[in-house]
Amino acid sequence: WLKIVVSLTPMLPALVIAWVIIQQFKRFDELQQKIQLQALGMSFIGTSLITFSYGFLENVGFPKLTMFIIWPMMAMLWSIATIVGTWKYR
C-alpha cells in the first residue's frame, strides 16, 4: 500500500491544478466559455483520434508509447484550439 500511496502523491498538485482550472472556467463570460468548450472538445477528439490511430500503428511495429504522453498532447491541442478560437471571435 505504501508504494501505491507514494506513487500517487504527484496527483495531489494535479488535483489542485484541476480545481484552479475549474474555478477559472466559472469566471469566464459566455463567449470565453464557448471558446473553451469548443477547444476542449477539439482537443478530446484530436487526442482520441491520434492515440487510436497510433494504437493500430503499434500493431505493425511502431514503438509502444507511455500513457504519460496523453496529457501533454491534449494540452497542446487544447492550447492550439483556444488560440484559433480566440482569433476567430476577434
PDB file of N, CA and C in Angstrom:
ATOM      1  N   TRP A   1       0.814  -1.201   0.000  1.00  0.00           N
ATOM      2  CA  TRP A   1       0.000   0.000   0.000  1.00  0.00           C
ATOM      3  C   TRP A   1       0.852   1.257   0.000  1.00  0.00           C
ATOM      4  N   LEU A   2       1.977   1.207   0.690  1.00  0.00           N
ATOM      5  CA  LEU A   2       2.835   2.382   0.770  1.00  0.00           C
ATOM      6  C   LEU A   2       3.367   2.770  -0.612  1.00  0.00           C
ATOM      7  N   LYS A   3       3.748   1.788  -1.418  1.00  0.00           N
ATOM      8  CA  LYS A   3       4.228   2.084  -2.768  1.00  0.00           C
ATOM      9  C   LYS A   3       3.135   2.759  -3.598  1.00  0.00           C
ATOM     10  N   ILE A   4       1.910   2.307  -3.430  1.00  0.00           N
ATOM     11  CA  ILE A   4       0.791   2.899  -4.167  1.00  0.00           C
ATOM     12  C   ILE A   4       0.569   4.335  -3.733  1.00  0.00           C
ATOM     13  N   VAL A   5       0.575   4.585  -2.445  1.00  0.00           N
ATOM     14  CA  VAL A   5       0.372   5.938  -1.917  1.00  0.00           C
ATOM     15  C   VAL A   5       1.485   6.861  -2.391  1.00  0.00           C
ATOM     16  N   VAL A   6       2.727   6.402  -2.298  1.00  0.00           N
ATOM     17  CA  VAL A   6       3.862   7.220  -2.730  1.00  0.00           C
ATOM     18  C   VAL A   6       3.783   7.485  -4.237  1.00  0.00           C
ATOM     19  N   SER A   7       3.399   6.467  -5.004  1.00  0.00           N
ATOM     20  CA  SER A   7       3.288   6.636  -6.456  1.00  0.00           C
ATOM     21  C   SER A   7       2.222   7.649  -6.843  1.00  0.00           C
ATOM     22  N   LEU A   8       1.171   7.759  -6.050  1.00  0.00           N
ATOM     23  CA  LEU A   8       0.069   8.663  -6.375  1.00  0.00           C
ATOM     24  C   LEU A   8       0.199  10.056  -5.763  1.00  0.00           C
ATOM     25  N   THR A   9       1.240  10.305  -4.974  1.00  0.00           N
ATOM     26  CA  THR A   9       1.385  11.636  -4.371  1.00  0.00           C
ATOM     27  C   THR A   9       1.516  12.761  -5.397  1.00  0.00           C
ATOM     28  N   PRO A  10       2.105  12.545  -6.586  1.00  0.00           N
ATOM     29  CA  PRO A  10       2.119  13.640  -7.568  1.00  0.00           C
ATOM     30  C   PRO A  10       0.721  14.049  -8.038  1.00  0.00           C
ATOM     31  N   MET A  11      -0.266  13.245  -7.751  1.00  0.00           N
ATOM     32  CA  MET A  11      -1.627  13.590  -8.141  1.00  0.00           C
ATOM     33  C   MET A  11      -2.206  14.704  -7.272  1.00  0.00           C
ATOM     34  N   LEU A  12      -1.664  14.909  -6.094  1.00  0.00           N
ATOM     35  CA  LEU A  12      -2.176  15.983  -5.230  1.00  0.00           C
ATOM     36  C   LEU A  12      -2.036  17.351  -5.890  1.00  0.00           C
ATOM     37  N   PRO A  13      -0.852  17.736  -6.385  1.00  0.00           N
ATOM     38  CA  PRO A  13      -0.772  19.013  -7.096  1.00  0.00           C
ATOM     39  C   PRO A  13      -1.623  19.018  -8.364  1.00  0.00           C
ATOM     40  N   ALA A  14      -1.742  17.871  -9.027  1.00  0.00           N
ATOM     41  CA  ALA A  14      -2.577  17.796 -10.232  1.00  0.00           C
ATOM     42  C   ALA A  14      -4.039  18.075  -9.893  1.00  0.00           C
ATOM     43  N   LEU A  15      -4.503  17.593  -8.766  1.00  0.00           N
ATOM     44  CA  LEU A  15      -5.870  17.877  -8.327  1.00  0.00           C
ATOM     45  C   LEU A  15      -6.054  19.362  -8.031  1.00  0.00           C
ATOM     46  N   VAL A  16      -5.044  19.981  -7.442  1.00  0.00           N
ATOM     47  CA  VAL A  16      -5.106  21.426  -7.178  1.00  0.00           C
ATOM     48  C   VAL A  16      -5.169  22.189  -8.501  1.00  0.00           C
ATOM     49  N   ILE A  17      -4.365  21.786  -9.461  1.00  0.00           N
ATOM     50  CA  ILE A  17      -4.388  22.439 -10.772  1.00  0.00           C
ATOM     51  C   ILE A  17      -5.758  22.284 -11.417  1.00  0.00           C
ATOM     52  N   ALA A  18      -6.330  21.084 -11.344  1.00  0.00           N
ATOM     53  CA  ALA A  18      -7.668  20.860 -11.911  1.00  0.00           C
ATOM     54  C   ALA A  18      -8.694  21.763 -11.228  1.00  0.00           C
ATOM     55  N   TRP A  19      -8.607  21.908  -9.920  1.00  0.00           N
ATOM     56  CA  TRP A  19      -9.537  22.757  -9.187  1.00  0.00           C
ATOM     57  C   TRP A  19      -9.392  24.220  -9.628  1.00  0.00           C
ATOM     58  N   VAL A  20      -8.148  24.677  -9.797  1.00  0.00           N
ATOM     59  CA  VAL A  20      -7.900  26.055 -10.240  1.00  0.00           C
ATOM     60  C   VAL A  20      -8.481  26.283 -11.638  1.00  0.00           C
ATOM     61  N   ILE A  21      -8.296  25.327 -12.535  1.00  0.00           N
ATOM     62  CA  ILE A  21      -8.831  25.455 -13.891  1.00  0.00           C
ATOM     63  C   ILE A  21     -10.355  25.538 -13.854  1.00  0.00           C
ATOM     64  N   ILE A  22     -10.979  24.696 -13.067  1.00  0.00           N
ATOM     65  CA  ILE A  22     -12.448  24.721 -12.951  1.00  0.00           C
ATOM     66  C   ILE A  22     -12.919  26.056 -12.392  1.00  0.00           C
ATOM     67  N   GLN A  23     -12.232  26.572 -11.394  1.00  0.00           N
ATOM     68  CA  GLN A  23     -12.604  27.867 -10.821  1.00  0.00           C
ATOM     69  C   GLN A  23     -12.472  28.984 -11.857  1.00  0.00           C
ATOM     70  N   GLN A  24     -11.421  28.901 -12.670  1.00  0.00           N
ATOM     71  CA  GLN A  24     -11.225  29.906 -13.712  1.00  0.00           C
ATOM     72  C   GLN A  24     -12.340  29.827 -14.747  1.00  0.00           C
ATOM     73  N   PHE A  25     -12.741  28.630 -15.116  1.00  0.00           N
ATOM     74  CA  PHE A  25     -13.828  28.462 -16.081  1.00  0.00           C
ATOM     75  C   PHE A  25     -15.111  29.120 -15.574  1.00  0.00           C
ATOM     76  N   LYS A  26     -15.344  29.062 -14.291  1.00  0.00           N
ATOM     77  CA  LYS A  26     -16.554  29.658 -13.720  1.00  0.00           C
ATOM     78  C   LYS A  26     -16.551  31.177 -13.848  1.00  0.00           C
ATOM     79  N   ARG A  27     -15.376  31.768 -13.972  1.00  0.00           N
ATOM     80  CA  ARG A  27     -15.261  33.228 -14.065  1.00  0.00           C
ATOM     81  C   ARG A  27     -15.371  33.746 -15.495  1.00  0.00           C
ATOM     82  N   PHE A  28     -15.306  32.861 -16.477  1.00  0.00           N
ATOM     83  CA  PHE A  28     -15.353  33.280 -17.875  1.00  0.00           C
ATOM     84  C   PHE A  28     -16.728  33.811 -18.251  1.00  0.00           C
ATOM     85  N   ASP A  29     -16.734  34.753 -19.190  1.00  0.00           N
ATOM     86  CA  ASP A  29     -18.006  35.178 -19.763  1.00  0.00           C
ATOM     87  C   ASP A  29     -18.464  34.119 -20.766  1.00  0.00           C
ATOM     88  N   GLU A  30     -19.667  34.323 -21.331  1.00  0.00           N
ATOM     89  CA  GLU A  30     -20.239  33.286 -22.192  1.00  0.00           C
ATOM     90  C   GLU A  30     -19.398  33.000 -23.435  1.00  0.00           C
ATOM     91  N   LEU A  31     -18.826  34.039 -24.031  1.00  0.00           N
ATOM     92  CA  LEU A  31     -18.013  33.817 -25.226  1.00  0.00           C
ATOM     93  C   LEU A  31     -16.771  33.000 -24.892  1.00  0.00           C
ATOM     94  N   GLN A  32     -16.104  33.354 -23.817  1.00  0.00           N
ATOM     95  CA  GLN A  32     -14.904  32.612 -23.429  1.00  0.00           C
ATOM     96  C   GLN A  32     -15.256  31.173 -23.046  1.00  0.00           C
ATOM     97  N   GLN A  33     -16.413  30.975 -22.405  1.00  0.00           N
ATOM     98  CA  GLN A  33     -16.851  29.617 -22.090  1.00  0.00           C
ATOM     99  C   GLN A  33     -17.070  28.815 -23.372  1.00  0.00           C
ATOM    100  N   LYS A  34     -17.667  29.449 -24.373  1.00  0.00           N
ATOM    101  CA  LYS A  34     -17.900  28.786 -25.652  1.00  0.00           C
ATOM    102  C   LYS A  34     -16.579  28.415 -26.310  1.00  0.00           C
ATOM    103  N   ILE A  35     -15.638  29.349 -26.313  1.00  0.00           N
ATOM    104  CA  ILE A  35     -14.319  29.088 -26.902  1.00  0.00           C
ATOM    105  C   ILE A  35     -13.645  27.916 -26.189  1.00  0.00           C
ATOM    106  N   GLN A  36     -13.683  27.926 -24.865  1.00  0.00           N
ATOM    107  CA  GLN A  36     -13.031  26.868 -24.097  1.00  0.00           C
ATOM    108  C   GLN A  36     -13.720  25.518 -24.291  1.00  0.00           C
ATOM    109  N   LEU A  37     -15.036  25.517 -24.339  1.00  0.00           N
ATOM    110  CA  LEU A  37     -15.758  24.266 -24.556  1.00  0.00           C
ATOM    111  C   LEU A  37     -15.411  23.682 -25.926  1.00  0.00           C
ATOM    112  N   GLN A  38     -15.398  24.536 -26.941  1.00  0.00           N
ATOM    113  CA  GLN A  38     -15.026  24.060 -28.277  1.00  0.00           C
ATOM    114  C   GLN A  38     -13.574  23.585 -28.302  1.00  0.00           C
ATOM    115  N   ALA A  39     -12.692  24.304 -27.637  1.00  0.00           N
ATOM    116  CA  ALA A  39     -11.275  23.916 -27.600  1.00  0.00           C
ATOM    117  C   ALA A  39     -11.098  22.581 -26.885  1.00  0.00           C
ATOM    118  N   LEU A  40     -11.799  22.402 -25.781  1.00  0.00           N
ATOM    119  CA  LEU A  40     -11.706  21.124 -25.062  1.00  0.00           C
ATOM    120  C   LEU A  40     -12.271  19.984 -25.902  1.00  0.00           C
ATOM    121  N   GLY A  41     -13.380  20.244 -26.583  1.00  0.00           N
ATOM    122  CA  GLY A  41     -13.950  19.223 -27.459  1.00  0.00           C
ATOM    123  C   GLY A  41     -12.998  18.841 -28.575  1.00  0.00           C
ATOM    124  N   MET A  42     -12.392  19.841 -29.192  1.00  0.00           N
ATOM    125  CA  MET A  42     -11.443  19.568 -30.271  1.00  0.00           C
ATOM    126  C   MET A  42     -10.212  18.818 -29.747  1.00  0.00           C
ATOM    127  N   SER A  43      -9.729  19.200 -28.581  1.00  0.00           N
ATOM    128  CA  SER A  43      -8.557  18.504 -28.034  1.00  0.00           C
ATOM    129  C   SER A  43      -8.907  17.067 -27.654  1.00  0.00           C
ATOM    130  N   PHE A  44     -10.102  16.851 -27.155  1.00  0.00           N
ATOM    131  CA  PHE A  44     -10.540  15.496 -26.821  1.00  0.00           C
ATOM    132  C   PHE A  44     -10.626  14.641 -28.083  1.00  0.00           C
ATOM    133  N   ILE A  45     -11.274  15.176 -29.105  1.00  0.00           N
ATOM    134  CA  ILE A  45     -11.421  14.441 -30.363  1.00  0.00           C
ATOM    135  C   ILE A  45     -10.052  14.205 -31.006  1.00  0.00           C
ATOM    136  N   GLY A  46      -9.231  15.248 -31.053  1.00  0.00           N
ATOM    137  CA  GLY A  46      -7.901  15.115 -31.653  1.00  0.00           C
ATOM    138  C   GLY A  46      -7.043  14.090 -30.935  1.00  0.00           C
ATOM    139  N   THR A  47      -7.037  14.153 -29.611  1.00  0.00           N
ATOM    140  CA  THR A  47      -6.243  13.210 -28.830  1.00  0.00           C
ATOM    141  C   THR A  47      -6.734  11.786 -29.037  1.00  0.00           C
ATOM    142  N   SER A  48      -8.051  11.605 -29.032  1.00  0.00           N
ATOM    143  CA  SER A  48      -8.562  10.243 -29.201  1.00  0.00           C
ATOM    144  C   SER A  48      -8.271   9.714 -30.598  1.00  0.00           C
ATOM    145  N   LEU A  49      -8.387  10.531 -31.624  1.00  0.00           N
ATOM    146  CA  LEU A  49      -8.076  10.067 -32.982  1.00  0.00           C
ATOM    147  C   LEU A  49      -6.591   9.743 -33.137  1.00  0.00           C
ATOM    148  N   ILE A  50      -5.729  10.595 -32.596  1.00  0.00           N
ATOM    149  CA  ILE A  50      -4.287  10.363 -32.697  1.00  0.00           C
ATOM    150  C   ILE A  50      -3.886   9.098 -31.952  1.00  0.00           C
ATOM    151  N   THR A  51      -4.349   8.943 -30.712  1.00  0.00           N
ATOM    152  CA  THR A  51      -3.944   7.776 -29.920  1.00  0.00           C
ATOM    153  C   THR A  51      -4.550   6.486 -30.470  1.00  0.00           C
ATOM    154  N   PHE A  52      -5.784   6.557 -30.949  1.00  0.00           N
ATOM    155  CA  PHE A  52      -6.422   5.377 -31.537  1.00  0.00           C
ATOM    156  C   PHE A  52      -5.677   4.948 -32.798  1.00  0.00           C
ATOM    157  N   SER A  53      -5.330   5.914 -33.633  1.00  0.00           N
ATOM    158  CA  SER A  53      -4.570   5.612 -34.846  1.00  0.00           C
ATOM    159  C   SER A  53      -3.207   5.029 -34.502  1.00  0.00           C
ATOM    160  N   TYR A  54      -2.548   5.626 -33.518  1.00  0.00           N
ATOM    161  CA  TYR A  54      -1.228   5.133 -33.144  1.00  0.00           C
ATOM    162  C   TYR A  54      -1.305   3.716 -32.581  1.00  0.00           C
ATOM    163  N   GLY A  55      -2.400   3.403 -31.903  1.00  0.00           N
ATOM    164  CA  GLY A  55      -2.583   2.038 -31.401  1.00  0.00           C
ATOM    165  C   GLY A  55      -2.552   1.025 -32.530  1.00  0.00           C
ATOM    166  N   PHE A  56      -3.156   1.355 -33.671  1.00  0.00           N
ATOM    167  CA  PHE A  56      -3.092   0.474 -34.828  1.00  0.00           C
ATOM    168  C   PHE A  56      -1.677   0.404 -35.389  1.00  0.00           C
ATOM    169  N   LEU A  57      -0.967   1.529 -35.359  1.00  0.00           N
ATOM    170  CA  LEU A  57       0.407   1.536 -35.867  1.00  0.00           C
ATOM    171  C   LEU A  57       1.337   0.686 -35.003  1.00  0.00           C
ATOM    172  N   GLU A  58       1.034   0.585 -33.712  1.00  0.00           N
ATOM    173  CA  GLU A  58       1.831  -0.280 -32.843  1.00  0.00           C
ATOM    174  C   GLU A  58       1.738  -1.736 -33.297  1.00  0.00           C
ATOM    175  N   ASN A  59       0.611  -2.112 -33.922  1.00  0.00           N
ATOM    176  CA  ASN A  59       0.444  -3.485 -34.412  1.00  0.00           C
ATOM    177  C   ASN A  59       1.368  -3.805 -35.580  1.00  0.00           C
ATOM    178  N   VAL A  60       1.887  -2.776 -36.244  1.00  0.00           N
ATOM    179  CA  VAL A  60       2.782  -3.015 -37.386  1.00  0.00           C
ATOM    180  C   VAL A  60       4.232  -2.637 -37.070  1.00  0.00           C
ATOM    181  N   GLY A  61       4.552  -2.544 -35.784  1.00  0.00           N
ATOM    182  CA  GLY A  61       5.944  -2.363 -35.406  1.00  0.00           C
ATOM    183  C   GLY A  61       6.340  -1.019 -34.830  1.00  0.00           C
ATOM    184  N   PHE A  62       5.429  -0.049 -34.802  1.00  0.00           N
ATOM    185  CA  PHE A  62       5.780   1.229 -34.182  1.00  0.00           C
ATOM    186  C   PHE A  62       6.016   1.001 -32.692  1.00  0.00           C
ATOM    187  N   PRO A  63       6.921   1.791 -32.081  1.00  0.00           N
ATOM    188  CA  PRO A  63       7.205   1.574 -30.653  1.00  0.00           C
ATOM    189  C   PRO A  63       6.007   1.921 -29.778  1.00  0.00           C
ATOM    190  N   LYS A  64       5.877   1.201 -28.684  1.00  0.00           N
ATOM    191  CA  LYS A  64       4.800   1.481 -27.738  1.00  0.00           C
ATOM    192  C   LYS A  64       5.101   2.785 -27.014  1.00  0.00           C
ATOM    193  N   LEU A  65       4.070   3.588 -26.813  1.00  0.00           N
ATOM    194  CA  LEU A  65       4.224   4.866 -26.114  1.00  0.00           C
ATOM    195  C   LEU A  65       3.636   4.766 -24.716  1.00  0.00           C
ATOM    196  N   THR A  66       4.197   5.526 -23.819  1.00  0.00           N
ATOM    197  CA  THR A  66       3.702   5.577 -22.455  1.00  0.00           C
ATOM    198  C   THR A  66       2.431   6.414 -22.383  1.00  0.00           C
ATOM    199  N   MET A  67       1.610   6.145 -21.399  1.00  0.00           N
ATOM    200  CA  MET A  67       0.376   6.911 -21.208  1.00  0.00           C
ATOM    201  C   MET A  67       0.679   8.355 -20.785  1.00  0.00           C
ATOM    202  N   PHE A  68       1.890   8.628 -20.348  1.00  0.00           N
ATOM    203  CA  PHE A  68       2.250   9.978 -19.927  1.00  0.00           C
ATOM    204  C   PHE A  68       2.249  10.970 -21.088  1.00  0.00           C
ATOM    205  N   ILE A  69       2.147  10.492 -22.307  1.00  0.00           N
ATOM    206  CA  ILE A  69       2.126  11.385 -23.460  1.00  0.00           C
ATOM    207  C   ILE A  69       0.731  11.967 -23.703  1.00  0.00           C
ATOM    208  N   ILE A  70      -0.278  11.357 -23.131  1.00  0.00           N
ATOM    209  CA  ILE A  70      -1.664  11.754 -23.410  1.00  0.00           C
ATOM    210  C   ILE A  70      -1.945  13.181 -22.934  1.00  0.00           C
ATOM    211  N   TRP A  71      -1.631  13.489 -21.687  1.00  0.00           N
ATOM    212  CA  TRP A  71      -1.940  14.825 -21.171  1.00  0.00           C
ATOM    213  C   TRP A  71      -1.199  15.923 -21.927  1.00  0.00           C
ATOM    214  N   PRO A  72       0.121  15.804 -22.182  1.00  0.00           N
ATOM    215  CA  PRO A  72       0.768  16.863 -22.958  1.00  0.00           C
ATOM    216  C   PRO A  72       0.162  17.029 -24.348  1.00  0.00           C
ATOM    217  N   MET A  73      -0.222  15.917 -24.970  1.00  0.00           N
ATOM    218  CA  MET A  73      -0.843  16.001 -26.293  1.00  0.00           C
ATOM    219  C   MET A  73      -2.179  16.742 -26.208  1.00  0.00           C
ATOM    220  N   MET A  74      -2.989  16.386 -25.224  1.00  0.00           N
ATOM    221  CA  MET A  74      -4.287  17.036 -25.076  1.00  0.00           C
ATOM    222  C   MET A  74      -4.112  18.518 -24.729  1.00  0.00           C
ATOM    223  N   ALA A  75      -3.143  18.831 -23.882  1.00  0.00           N
ATOM    224  CA  ALA A  75      -2.902  20.225 -23.512  1.00  0.00           C
ATOM    225  C   ALA A  75      -2.428  21.036 -24.713  1.00  0.00           C
ATOM    226  N   MET A  76      -1.577  20.431 -25.547  1.00  0.00           N
ATOM    227  CA  MET A  76      -1.094  21.123 -26.734  1.00  0.00           C
ATOM    228  C   MET A  76      -2.259  21.396 -27.696  1.00  0.00           C
ATOM    229  N   LEU A  77      -3.085  20.381 -27.932  1.00  0.00           N
ATOM    230  CA  LEU A  77      -4.227  20.562 -28.829  1.00  0.00           C
ATOM    231  C   LEU A  77      -5.234  21.559 -28.251  1.00  0.00           C
ATOM    232  N   TRP A  78      -5.428  21.538 -26.934  1.00  0.00           N
ATOM    233  CA  TRP A  78      -6.326  22.487 -26.273  1.00  0.00           C
ATOM    234  C   TRP A  78      -5.800  23.907 -26.459  1.00  0.00           C
ATOM    235  N   SER A  79      -4.502  24.091 -26.278  1.00  0.00           N
ATOM    236  CA  SER A  79      -3.904  25.421 -26.440  1.00  0.00           C
ATOM    237  C   SER A  79      -4.061  25.930 -27.865  1.00  0.00           C
ATOM    238  N   ILE A  80      -3.785  25.066 -28.835  1.00  0.00           N
ATOM    239  CA  ILE A  80      -3.919  25.464 -30.237  1.00  0.00           C
ATOM    240  C   ILE A  80      -5.362  25.825 -30.549  1.00  0.00           C
ATOM    241  N   ALA A  81      -6.296  24.998 -30.108  1.00  0.00           N
ATOM    242  CA  ALA A  81      -7.714  25.262 -30.372  1.00  0.00           C
ATOM    243  C   ALA A  81      -8.188  26.530 -29.668  1.00  0.00           C
ATOM    244  N   THR A  82      -7.660  26.825 -28.480  1.00  0.00           N
ATOM    245  CA  THR A  82      -8.018  28.057 -27.778  1.00  0.00           C
ATOM    246  C   THR A  82      -7.499  29.270 -28.546  1.00  0.00           C
ATOM    247  N   ILE A  83      -6.281  29.201 -29.033  1.00  0.00           N
ATOM    248  CA  ILE A  83      -5.715  30.313 -29.815  1.00  0.00           C
ATOM    249  C   ILE A  83      -6.536  30.539 -31.079  1.00  0.00           C
ATOM    250  N   VAL A  84      -6.854  29.456 -31.777  1.00  0.00           N
ATOM    251  CA  VAL A  84      -7.652  29.574 -33.001  1.00  0.00           C
ATOM    252  C   VAL A  84      -9.043  30.115 -32.684  1.00  0.00           C
ATOM    253  N   GLY A  85      -9.668  29.614 -31.628  1.00  0.00           N
ATOM    254  CA  GLY A  85     -11.000  30.087 -31.251  1.00  0.00           C
ATOM    255  C   GLY A  85     -11.011  31.539 -30.839  1.00  0.00           C
ATOM    256  N   THR A  86      -9.991  31.959 -30.099  1.00  0.00           N
ATOM    257  CA  THR A  86      -9.894  33.356 -29.690  1.00  0.00           C
ATOM    258  C   THR A  86      -9.693  34.253 -30.903  1.00  0.00           C
ATOM    259  N   TRP A  87      -8.854  33.807 -31.836  1.00  0.00           N
ATOM    260  CA  TRP A  87      -8.597  34.561 -33.055  1.00  0.00           C
ATOM    261  C   TRP A  87      -9.880  34.651 -33.900  1.00  0.00           C
ATOM    262  N   LYS A  88     -10.631  33.561 -33.947  1.00  0.00           N
ATOM    263  CA  LYS A  88     -11.864  33.520 -34.744  1.00  0.00           C
ATOM    264  C   LYS A  88     -12.891  34.543 -34.272  1.00  0.00           C
ATOM    265  N   TYR A  89     -12.996  34.747 -32.966  1.00  0.00           N
ATOM    266  CA  TYR A  89     -14.012  35.646 -32.421  1.00  0.00           C
ATOM    267  C   TYR A  89     -13.497  37.056 -32.174  1.00  0.00           C
ATOM    268  N   ARG A  90     -12.352  37.405 -32.687  1.00  0.00           N
ATOM    269  CA  ARG A  90     -11.822  38.744 -32.524  1.00  0.00           C
ATOM    270  C   ARG A  90     -12.650  39.773 -33.217  1.00  0.00           C
TER     271      ARG A  90
END
